[in-house]
Amino acid sequence: GLSLGCWLLHCAQAAPVWLRRRCMKVVDDPGVEFVVFLPAGDRVTREAVRAMREVPADVDVIYGDTLHDIERADRMPTYQRRPGRSPERLRSHDYIGGFVIARRRLVDALGGVDRLAAADSHDRNLRLFDATERVWRAPEILNVTPDTNLLPQAKATAVSDHLLRRGI
């Protein structure tokens, strides 16, 4: 599994972060091992921390499934199960969404935390997939998102830029 080194949590809004037995810094620190990109309003689950113990040591990017916290009378959960790594599918649809964990050295090689945090999730995820094949899909619910963050969309500019970078 992953080391117990600190991770950087990049939130779209400032909020206290409490994850048991995991050091999460909300301010940037170049010494962190991983950067967690978390959309505003989302929560990281306890299962995410447990799932990280199963991640192979050479993995650079981690993503997983999402629970949608939909406000409705029956309170039935709605899950978004994500497929395994597929660069071709990612070109047509941002199936990963806004919650993704990336190794700090990879984030730095792609322009740093601020640059990737400012990008929309489709652009960020395409850049991450371009830079590494060491991507792991955690078969767990890693985050809970409110009903305002339902389905990620394809971004035409992100796909166009990706195709130019790849020479396609």
N, C-alpha and C. Protein backbone atom coordinates (compact mmCIF):
# COMPACT_ATOMS: atom_id res chain seq x y z
N GLY A 1 0.82 -1.19 0.00
CA GLY A 1 0.00 0.00 0.00
C GLY A 1 0.86 1.25 0.00
N LEU A 2 0.21 2.38 0.06
CA LEU A 2 0.89 3.66 0.04
C LEU A 2 1.52 3.96 1.38
N SER A 3 2.55 4.79 1.36
CA SER A 3 3.21 5.14 2.61
C SER A 3 2.31 6.03 3.45
N LEU A 4 2.68 6.22 4.67
CA LEU A 4 1.89 7.07 5.56
C LEU A 4 2.32 8.53 5.50
N GLY A 5 3.09 8.92 4.47
CA GLY A 5 3.49 10.32 4.32
C GLY A 5 2.30 11.23 4.16
N CYS A 6 2.53 12.50 4.37
CA CYS A 6 1.44 13.48 4.26
C CYS A 6 0.94 13.60 2.83
N TRP A 7 -0.32 13.95 2.71
CA TRP A 7 -0.95 14.24 1.44
C TRP A 7 -1.43 15.67 1.47
N LEU A 8 -1.53 16.29 0.30
CA LEU A 8 -2.09 17.63 0.18
C LEU A 8 -3.51 17.49 -0.32
N LEU A 9 -4.46 18.07 0.38
CA LEU A 9 -5.85 18.06 -0.03
C LEU A 9 -6.15 19.41 -0.64
N HIS A 10 -6.42 19.43 -1.94
CA HIS A 10 -6.77 20.69 -2.60
C HIS A 10 -8.27 20.75 -2.74
N CYS A 11 -8.90 21.61 -1.95
CA CYS A 11 -10.35 21.77 -1.97
C CYS A 11 -10.69 23.02 -2.76
N ALA A 12 -11.85 22.99 -3.39
CA ALA A 12 -12.32 24.18 -4.09
C ALA A 12 -12.80 25.22 -3.08
N GLN A 13 -12.93 24.83 -1.82
CA GLN A 13 -13.29 25.76 -0.76
C GLN A 13 -12.54 25.37 0.50
N ALA A 14 -12.24 26.33 1.34
CA ALA A 14 -11.52 26.03 2.57
C ALA A 14 -12.46 25.38 3.58
N ALA A 15 -12.06 24.26 4.12
CA ALA A 15 -12.87 23.57 5.12
C ALA A 15 -11.95 22.66 5.92
N PRO A 16 -12.27 22.44 7.20
CA PRO A 16 -11.44 21.52 7.97
C PRO A 16 -11.58 20.10 7.43
N VAL A 17 -10.50 19.36 7.45
CA VAL A 17 -10.50 18.00 6.92
C VAL A 17 -10.07 17.06 8.04
N TRP A 18 -10.91 16.08 8.30
CA TRP A 18 -10.61 15.12 9.34
C TRP A 18 -10.65 13.72 8.75
N LEU A 19 -9.51 13.11 8.64
CA LEU A 19 -9.42 11.72 8.22
C LEU A 19 -8.57 10.99 9.23
N ARG A 20 -9.12 9.96 9.78
CA ARG A 20 -8.45 9.22 10.84
C ARG A 20 -7.13 8.61 10.35
N ARG A 21 -6.09 8.82 11.12
CA ARG A 21 -4.76 8.25 10.88
C ARG A 21 -4.15 8.67 9.54
N ARG A 22 -4.57 9.75 9.00
CA ARG A 22 -4.00 10.23 7.73
C ARG A 22 -3.73 11.72 7.88
N CYS A 23 -2.51 12.12 7.65
CA CYS A 23 -2.16 13.53 7.70
C CYS A 23 -2.61 14.18 6.39
N MET A 24 -3.51 15.13 6.48
CA MET A 24 -4.00 15.85 5.30
C MET A 24 -3.71 17.33 5.51
N LYS A 25 -2.96 17.92 4.62
CA LYS A 25 -2.65 19.34 4.70
C LYS A 25 -3.51 20.08 3.70
N VAL A 26 -4.08 21.20 4.12
CA VAL A 26 -4.93 21.98 3.23
C VAL A 26 -4.14 23.13 2.62
N VAL A 27 -2.96 23.40 3.15
CA VAL A 27 -2.08 24.40 2.54
C VAL A 27 -0.98 23.64 1.79
N ASP A 28 -0.46 24.26 0.76
CA ASP A 28 0.52 23.57 -0.07
C ASP A 28 1.82 23.31 0.69
N ASP A 29 2.36 22.13 0.47
CA ASP A 29 3.62 21.72 1.07
C ASP A 29 4.31 20.83 0.03
N PRO A 30 5.45 21.27 -0.52
CA PRO A 30 6.11 20.49 -1.56
C PRO A 30 6.55 19.10 -1.12
N GLY A 31 6.55 18.81 0.17
CA GLY A 31 7.00 17.52 0.66
C GLY A 31 5.93 16.45 0.71
N VAL A 32 4.69 16.76 0.34
CA VAL A 32 3.63 15.75 0.42
C VAL A 32 3.80 14.71 -0.68
N GLU A 33 3.30 13.51 -0.43
CA GLU A 33 3.44 12.41 -1.39
C GLU A 33 2.35 12.44 -2.46
N PHE A 34 1.13 12.76 -2.06
CA PHE A 34 0.00 12.77 -2.98
C PHE A 34 -0.80 14.06 -2.85
N VAL A 35 -1.45 14.44 -3.95
CA VAL A 35 -2.37 15.57 -3.96
C VAL A 35 -3.76 15.01 -4.22
N VAL A 36 -4.72 15.40 -3.37
CA VAL A 36 -6.10 14.96 -3.51
C VAL A 36 -6.89 16.14 -4.05
N PHE A 37 -7.44 16.01 -5.26
CA PHE A 37 -8.29 17.06 -5.82
C PHE A 37 -9.73 16.73 -5.45
N LEU A 38 -10.37 17.65 -4.75
CA LEU A 38 -11.69 17.41 -4.18
C LEU A 38 -12.62 18.56 -4.58
N PRO A 39 -13.69 18.27 -5.33
CA PRO A 39 -14.62 19.35 -5.71
C PRO A 39 -15.32 19.95 -4.49
N ALA A 40 -15.72 21.20 -4.62
CA ALA A 40 -16.45 21.89 -3.54
C ALA A 40 -17.69 21.09 -3.19
N GLY A 41 -17.90 20.88 -1.91
CA GLY A 41 -19.08 20.16 -1.43
C GLY A 41 -18.89 18.67 -1.29
N ASP A 42 -17.85 18.10 -1.87
CA ASP A 42 -17.60 16.66 -1.77
C ASP A 42 -16.96 16.33 -0.43
N ARG A 43 -17.11 15.07 -0.01
CA ARG A 43 -16.47 14.57 1.20
C ARG A 43 -15.68 13.31 0.84
N VAL A 44 -14.53 13.16 1.47
CA VAL A 44 -13.73 11.94 1.32
C VAL A 44 -14.27 10.93 2.32
N THR A 45 -14.42 9.68 1.89
CA THR A 45 -14.97 8.66 2.78
C THR A 45 -13.86 7.97 3.58
N ARG A 46 -14.25 7.34 4.66
CA ARG A 46 -13.29 6.53 5.43
C ARG A 46 -12.79 5.36 4.60
N GLU A 47 -13.67 4.85 3.74
CA GLU A 47 -13.29 3.74 2.87
C GLU A 47 -12.13 4.13 1.96
N ALA A 48 -12.05 5.42 1.61
CA ALA A 48 -10.96 5.88 0.75
C ALA A 48 -9.61 5.65 1.43
N VAL A 49 -9.55 5.96 2.70
CA VAL A 49 -8.29 5.78 3.43
C VAL A 49 -7.95 4.30 3.52
N ARG A 50 -8.96 3.46 3.81
CA ARG A 50 -8.72 2.00 3.85
C ARG A 50 -8.30 1.47 2.49
N ALA A 51 -8.96 1.95 1.44
CA ALA A 51 -8.64 1.48 0.08
C ALA A 51 -7.22 1.81 -0.31
N MET A 52 -6.70 2.91 0.19
CA MET A 52 -5.34 3.32 -0.17
C MET A 52 -4.29 2.33 0.31
N ARG A 53 -4.64 1.52 1.30
CA ARG A 53 -3.69 0.49 1.77
C ARG A 53 -3.48 -0.59 0.72
N GLU A 54 -4.43 -0.73 -0.19
CA GLU A 54 -4.37 -1.77 -1.22
C GLU A 54 -3.70 -1.29 -2.51
N VAL A 55 -3.39 -0.01 -2.60
CA VAL A 55 -2.83 0.55 -3.83
C VAL A 55 -1.40 0.07 -4.02
N PRO A 56 -1.07 -0.44 -5.22
CA PRO A 56 0.33 -0.80 -5.48
C PRO A 56 1.25 0.41 -5.33
N ALA A 57 2.45 0.19 -4.87
CA ALA A 57 3.38 1.28 -4.54
C ALA A 57 3.79 2.14 -5.73
N ASP A 58 3.71 1.60 -6.95
CA ASP A 58 4.17 2.36 -8.11
C ASP A 58 3.07 3.17 -8.81
N VAL A 59 1.89 3.23 -8.23
CA VAL A 59 0.75 3.93 -8.84
C VAL A 59 0.93 5.45 -8.73
N ASP A 60 0.57 6.15 -9.80
CA ASP A 60 0.66 7.62 -9.84
C ASP A 60 -0.69 8.31 -9.72
N VAL A 61 -1.76 7.67 -10.19
CA VAL A 61 -3.09 8.29 -10.19
C VAL A 61 -4.09 7.28 -9.66
N ILE A 62 -4.98 7.74 -8.78
CA ILE A 62 -5.98 6.89 -8.16
C ILE A 62 -7.35 7.55 -8.31
N TYR A 63 -8.33 6.76 -8.70
CA TYR A 63 -9.71 7.24 -8.71
C TYR A 63 -10.61 6.08 -8.30
N GLY A 64 -11.86 6.38 -8.01
CA GLY A 64 -12.78 5.32 -7.58
C GLY A 64 -14.22 5.73 -7.79
N ASP A 65 -15.11 5.05 -7.10
CA ASP A 65 -16.53 5.27 -7.26
C ASP A 65 -17.01 6.41 -6.35
N THR A 66 -18.22 6.88 -6.64
CA THR A 66 -18.80 8.01 -5.92
C THR A 66 -20.21 7.68 -5.44
N LEU A 67 -20.53 8.15 -4.27
CA LEU A 67 -21.90 8.10 -3.75
C LEU A 67 -22.49 9.49 -3.94
N HIS A 68 -23.65 9.56 -4.59
CA HIS A 68 -24.33 10.85 -4.78
C HIS A 68 -25.33 11.04 -3.65
N ASP A 69 -25.16 12.13 -2.92
CA ASP A 69 -26.03 12.46 -1.80
C ASP A 69 -27.21 13.27 -2.34
N ILE A 70 -28.20 12.54 -2.85
CA ILE A 70 -29.34 13.19 -3.51
C ILE A 70 -30.43 13.47 -2.48
N GLU A 71 -30.90 14.68 -2.48
CA GLU A 71 -31.98 15.09 -1.58
C GLU A 71 -33.31 14.61 -2.15
N ARG A 72 -33.82 13.51 -1.62
CA ARG A 72 -35.14 13.04 -2.02
C ARG A 72 -35.75 12.26 -0.86
N ALA A 73 -37.04 12.05 -0.93
CA ALA A 73 -37.77 11.49 0.20
C ALA A 73 -37.33 10.08 0.58
N ASP A 74 -37.03 9.22 -0.40
CA ASP A 74 -36.72 7.83 -0.07
C ASP A 74 -35.29 7.62 0.42
N ARG A 75 -34.42 8.62 0.24
CA ARG A 75 -33.02 8.57 0.70
C ARG A 75 -32.27 7.35 0.18
N MET A 76 -32.72 6.78 -0.93
CA MET A 76 -32.01 5.66 -1.53
C MET A 76 -30.70 6.17 -2.12
N PRO A 77 -29.61 5.49 -1.84
CA PRO A 77 -28.32 5.97 -2.37
C PRO A 77 -28.23 5.78 -3.88
N THR A 78 -27.52 6.69 -4.51
CA THR A 78 -27.24 6.59 -5.93
C THR A 78 -25.72 6.54 -6.08
N TYR A 79 -25.22 5.49 -6.71
CA TYR A 79 -23.79 5.32 -6.85
C TYR A 79 -23.37 5.54 -8.29
N GLN A 80 -22.19 6.06 -8.46
CA GLN A 80 -21.59 6.16 -9.78
C GLN A 80 -20.39 5.24 -9.78
N ARG A 81 -20.55 4.10 -10.43
CA ARG A 81 -19.47 3.12 -10.53
C ARG A 81 -18.66 3.48 -11.77
N ARG A 82 -17.38 3.57 -11.60
CA ARG A 82 -16.51 3.98 -12.71
C ARG A 82 -15.80 2.78 -13.32
N PRO A 83 -15.56 2.84 -14.63
CA PRO A 83 -14.85 1.73 -15.29
C PRO A 83 -13.36 1.79 -15.01
N GLY A 84 -12.66 0.75 -15.42
CA GLY A 84 -11.20 0.74 -15.34
C GLY A 84 -10.60 1.74 -16.31
N ARG A 85 -9.31 1.88 -16.23
CA ARG A 85 -8.58 2.86 -17.05
C ARG A 85 -8.86 2.67 -18.54
N SER A 86 -9.29 3.75 -19.19
CA SER A 86 -9.55 3.72 -20.62
C SER A 86 -9.30 5.11 -21.20
N PRO A 87 -8.10 5.35 -21.74
CA PRO A 87 -7.81 6.66 -22.33
C PRO A 87 -8.78 7.02 -23.46
N GLU A 88 -9.21 6.03 -24.24
CA GLU A 88 -10.14 6.31 -25.34
C GLU A 88 -11.48 6.78 -24.81
N ARG A 89 -11.97 6.11 -23.79
CA ARG A 89 -13.25 6.52 -23.20
C ARG A 89 -13.15 7.89 -22.55
N LEU A 90 -12.01 8.16 -21.91
CA LEU A 90 -11.82 9.45 -21.26
C LEU A 90 -11.85 10.60 -22.27
N ARG A 91 -11.45 10.34 -23.49
CA ARG A 91 -11.52 11.38 -24.53
C ARG A 91 -12.95 11.81 -24.80
N SER A 92 -13.89 10.90 -24.67
CA SER A 92 -15.28 11.22 -25.02
C SER A 92 -16.14 11.58 -23.82
N HIS A 93 -15.68 11.24 -22.61
CA HIS A 93 -16.48 11.48 -21.41
C HIS A 93 -15.57 11.48 -20.19
N ASP A 94 -15.71 12.47 -19.35
CA ASP A 94 -14.89 12.55 -18.14
C ASP A 94 -15.48 11.62 -17.08
N TYR A 95 -15.28 10.32 -17.26
CA TYR A 95 -15.87 9.35 -16.35
C TYR A 95 -15.22 9.36 -14.97
N ILE A 96 -14.06 10.00 -14.83
CA ILE A 96 -13.40 10.04 -13.52
C ILE A 96 -14.01 11.12 -12.62
N GLY A 97 -14.33 12.26 -13.20
CA GLY A 97 -14.93 13.34 -12.42
C GLY A 97 -13.89 14.17 -11.69
N GLY A 98 -14.34 14.96 -10.74
CA GLY A 98 -13.49 15.93 -10.06
C GLY A 98 -12.62 15.37 -8.95
N PHE A 99 -12.99 14.24 -8.37
CA PHE A 99 -12.21 13.66 -7.26
C PHE A 99 -11.17 12.70 -7.82
N VAL A 100 -9.90 13.07 -7.65
CA VAL A 100 -8.81 12.23 -8.12
C VAL A 100 -7.60 12.47 -7.22
N ILE A 101 -6.80 11.44 -7.04
CA ILE A 101 -5.59 11.51 -6.22
C ILE A 101 -4.40 11.30 -7.16
N ALA A 102 -3.43 12.19 -7.09
CA ALA A 102 -2.26 12.08 -7.98
C ALA A 102 -0.97 12.26 -7.19
N ARG A 103 0.03 11.50 -7.58
CA ARG A 103 1.34 11.61 -6.94
C ARG A 103 1.90 13.01 -7.16
N ARG A 104 2.48 13.60 -6.12
CA ARG A 104 2.94 14.99 -6.17
C ARG A 104 3.96 15.22 -7.27
N ARG A 105 4.89 14.31 -7.47
CA ARG A 105 5.91 14.54 -8.50
C ARG A 105 5.29 14.60 -9.90
N LEU A 106 4.21 13.86 -10.12
CA LEU A 106 3.49 13.91 -11.39
C LEU A 106 2.76 15.25 -11.53
N VAL A 107 2.12 15.69 -10.47
CA VAL A 107 1.43 16.99 -10.46
C VAL A 107 2.43 18.10 -10.77
N ASP A 108 3.59 18.06 -10.13
CA ASP A 108 4.62 19.07 -10.38
C ASP A 108 5.10 19.04 -11.83
N ALA A 109 5.27 17.85 -12.39
CA ALA A 109 5.72 17.72 -13.78
C ALA A 109 4.70 18.29 -14.77
N LEU A 110 3.44 18.34 -14.36
CA LEU A 110 2.37 18.86 -15.22
C LEU A 110 2.06 20.33 -14.96
N GLY A 111 2.93 21.01 -14.24
CA GLY A 111 2.75 22.44 -14.03
C GLY A 111 2.42 22.84 -12.61
N GLY A 112 2.22 21.89 -11.72
CA GLY A 112 1.99 22.18 -10.32
C GLY A 112 0.53 22.12 -9.90
N VAL A 113 0.35 22.22 -8.60
CA VAL A 113 -0.98 22.10 -7.99
C VAL A 113 -1.91 23.20 -8.50
N ASP A 114 -1.44 24.44 -8.49
CA ASP A 114 -2.32 25.54 -8.89
C ASP A 114 -2.80 25.39 -10.33
N ARG A 115 -1.92 24.99 -11.22
CA ARG A 115 -2.31 24.83 -12.63
C ARG A 115 -3.35 23.73 -12.80
N LEU A 116 -3.13 22.58 -12.17
CA LEU A 116 -4.09 21.48 -12.32
C LEU A 116 -5.39 21.76 -11.57
N ALA A 117 -5.30 22.48 -10.45
CA ALA A 117 -6.51 22.81 -9.71
C ALA A 117 -7.37 23.82 -10.48
N ALA A 118 -6.73 24.69 -11.25
CA ALA A 118 -7.47 25.69 -12.02
C ALA A 118 -8.12 25.09 -13.26
N ALA A 119 -7.62 23.95 -13.72
CA ALA A 119 -8.18 23.30 -14.91
C ALA A 119 -9.50 22.62 -14.56
N ASP A 120 -10.38 22.47 -15.54
CA ASP A 120 -11.58 21.69 -15.26
C ASP A 120 -11.17 20.22 -15.14
N SER A 121 -12.03 19.42 -14.55
CA SER A 121 -11.65 18.03 -14.24
C SER A 121 -11.33 17.23 -15.49
N HIS A 122 -12.02 17.48 -16.58
CA HIS A 122 -11.75 16.70 -17.80
C HIS A 122 -10.34 16.99 -18.31
N ASP A 123 -9.97 18.26 -18.35
CA ASP A 123 -8.62 18.63 -18.78
C ASP A 123 -7.57 18.04 -17.84
N ARG A 124 -7.78 18.16 -16.53
CA ARG A 124 -6.83 17.62 -15.55
C ARG A 124 -6.68 16.11 -15.72
N ASN A 125 -7.79 15.40 -15.86
CA ASN A 125 -7.73 13.95 -15.97
C ASN A 125 -7.07 13.50 -17.26
N LEU A 126 -7.33 14.19 -18.36
CA LEU A 126 -6.65 13.86 -19.62
C LEU A 126 -5.15 14.08 -19.50
N ARG A 127 -4.75 15.17 -18.86
CA ARG A 127 -3.31 15.45 -18.67
C ARG A 127 -2.66 14.37 -17.79
N LEU A 128 -3.34 13.96 -16.74
CA LEU A 128 -2.81 12.91 -15.87
C LEU A 128 -2.66 11.59 -16.64
N PHE A 129 -3.67 11.23 -17.43
CA PHE A 129 -3.60 9.98 -18.20
C PHE A 129 -2.54 10.05 -19.29
N ASP A 130 -2.33 11.25 -19.86
CA ASP A 130 -1.26 11.42 -20.86
C ASP A 130 0.11 11.17 -20.23
N ALA A 131 0.27 11.54 -18.97
CA ALA A 131 1.59 11.55 -18.33
C ALA A 131 1.99 10.21 -17.72
N THR A 132 1.02 9.33 -17.48
CA THR A 132 1.36 8.05 -16.85
C THR A 132 0.37 6.97 -17.24
N GLU A 133 0.85 5.75 -17.24
CA GLU A 133 -0.03 4.60 -17.41
C GLU A 133 -0.27 3.90 -16.08
N ARG A 134 0.37 4.40 -15.03
CA ARG A 134 0.24 3.80 -13.71
C ARG A 134 -0.96 4.41 -12.98
N VAL A 135 -2.14 3.99 -13.45
CA VAL A 135 -3.42 4.49 -12.93
C VAL A 135 -4.14 3.33 -12.27
N TRP A 136 -4.72 3.57 -11.12
CA TRP A 136 -5.42 2.53 -10.38
C TRP A 136 -6.83 2.96 -10.04
N ARG A 137 -7.81 2.13 -10.39
CA ARG A 137 -9.19 2.37 -10.01
C ARG A 137 -9.48 1.61 -8.73
N ALA A 138 -9.76 2.35 -7.67
CA ALA A 138 -10.10 1.72 -6.39
C ALA A 138 -11.54 1.22 -6.47
N PRO A 139 -11.79 -0.05 -6.16
CA PRO A 139 -13.15 -0.58 -6.24
C PRO A 139 -13.95 -0.24 -4.98
N GLU A 140 -13.90 1.00 -4.59
CA GLU A 140 -14.54 1.46 -3.35
C GLU A 140 -15.20 2.81 -3.61
N ILE A 141 -16.12 3.18 -2.71
CA ILE A 141 -16.68 4.52 -2.72
C ILE A 141 -15.63 5.41 -2.06
N LEU A 142 -15.04 6.31 -2.83
CA LEU A 142 -13.98 7.17 -2.30
C LEU A 142 -14.48 8.55 -1.89
N ASN A 143 -15.57 8.99 -2.50
CA ASN A 143 -16.08 10.31 -2.14
C ASN A 143 -17.60 10.33 -2.21
N VAL A 144 -18.16 11.30 -1.48
CA VAL A 144 -19.59 11.56 -1.49
C VAL A 144 -19.76 12.94 -2.08
N THR A 145 -20.64 13.06 -3.06
CA THR A 145 -20.84 14.34 -3.72
C THR A 145 -22.30 14.75 -3.61
N PRO A 146 -22.58 16.04 -3.48
CA PRO A 146 -23.97 16.49 -3.41
C PRO A 146 -24.66 16.35 -4.77
N ASP A 147 -25.97 16.47 -4.76
CA ASP A 147 -26.72 16.28 -6.00
C ASP A 147 -26.43 17.35 -7.05
N THR A 148 -25.73 18.39 -6.70
CA THR A 148 -25.37 19.42 -7.69
C THR A 148 -24.18 19.01 -8.54
N ASN A 149 -23.46 17.96 -8.16
CA ASN A 149 -22.28 17.48 -8.89
C ASN A 149 -22.55 16.13 -9.53
N LEU A 150 -23.67 15.95 -10.19
CA LEU A 150 -24.03 14.61 -10.64
C LEU A 150 -23.09 13.98 -11.65
N LEU A 151 -23.15 14.38 -12.89
CA LEU A 151 -22.37 13.68 -13.90
C LEU A 151 -21.38 14.61 -14.58
N PRO A 152 -20.12 14.24 -14.59
CA PRO A 152 -19.14 15.05 -15.31
C PRO A 152 -19.45 15.05 -16.80
N GLN A 153 -19.13 16.12 -17.44
CA GLN A 153 -19.38 16.28 -18.87
C GLN A 153 -18.07 16.24 -19.63
N ALA A 154 -18.17 16.03 -20.93
CA ALA A 154 -17.00 16.17 -21.80
C ALA A 154 -16.81 17.65 -22.08
N LYS A 155 -15.58 18.11 -22.08
CA LYS A 155 -15.25 19.50 -22.39
C LYS A 155 -14.53 19.52 -23.74
N ALA A 156 -15.14 20.16 -24.71
CA ALA A 156 -14.60 20.16 -26.08
C ALA A 156 -13.18 20.75 -26.11
N THR A 157 -12.93 21.82 -25.35
CA THR A 157 -11.59 22.41 -25.38
C THR A 157 -10.56 21.47 -24.75
N ALA A 158 -10.94 20.75 -23.70
CA ALA A 158 -10.02 19.80 -23.07
C ALA A 158 -9.66 18.68 -24.05
N VAL A 159 -10.65 18.19 -24.77
CA VAL A 159 -10.41 17.11 -25.74
C VAL A 159 -9.56 17.62 -26.90
N SER A 160 -9.86 18.81 -27.40
CA SER A 160 -9.10 19.40 -28.51
C SER A 160 -7.63 19.59 -28.11
N ASP A 161 -7.40 20.15 -26.92
CA ASP A 161 -6.02 20.34 -26.44
C ASP A 161 -5.31 19.00 -26.27
N HIS A 162 -6.02 18.01 -25.76
CA HIS A 162 -5.46 16.67 -25.57
C HIS A 162 -5.04 16.07 -26.92
N LEU A 163 -5.90 16.19 -27.92
CA LEU A 163 -5.59 15.65 -29.24
C LEU A 163 -4.37 16.33 -29.85
N LEU A 164 -4.24 17.64 -29.64
CA LEU A 164 -3.06 18.37 -30.13
C LEU A 164 -1.79 17.87 -29.43
N ARG A 165 -1.86 17.70 -28.10
CA ARG A 165 -0.70 17.21 -27.35
C ARG A 165 -0.28 15.83 -27.82
N ARG A 166 -1.25 14.98 -28.15
CA ARG A 166 -0.98 13.61 -28.57
C ARG A 166 -0.64 13.48 -30.06
N GLY A 167 -0.83 14.56 -30.83
CA GLY A 167 -0.57 14.51 -32.25
C GLY A 167 -1.59 13.70 -33.02
N ILE A 168 -2.79 13.70 -32.53
CA ILE A 168 -3.88 12.92 -33.16
C ILE A 168 -4.72 13.86 -34.03
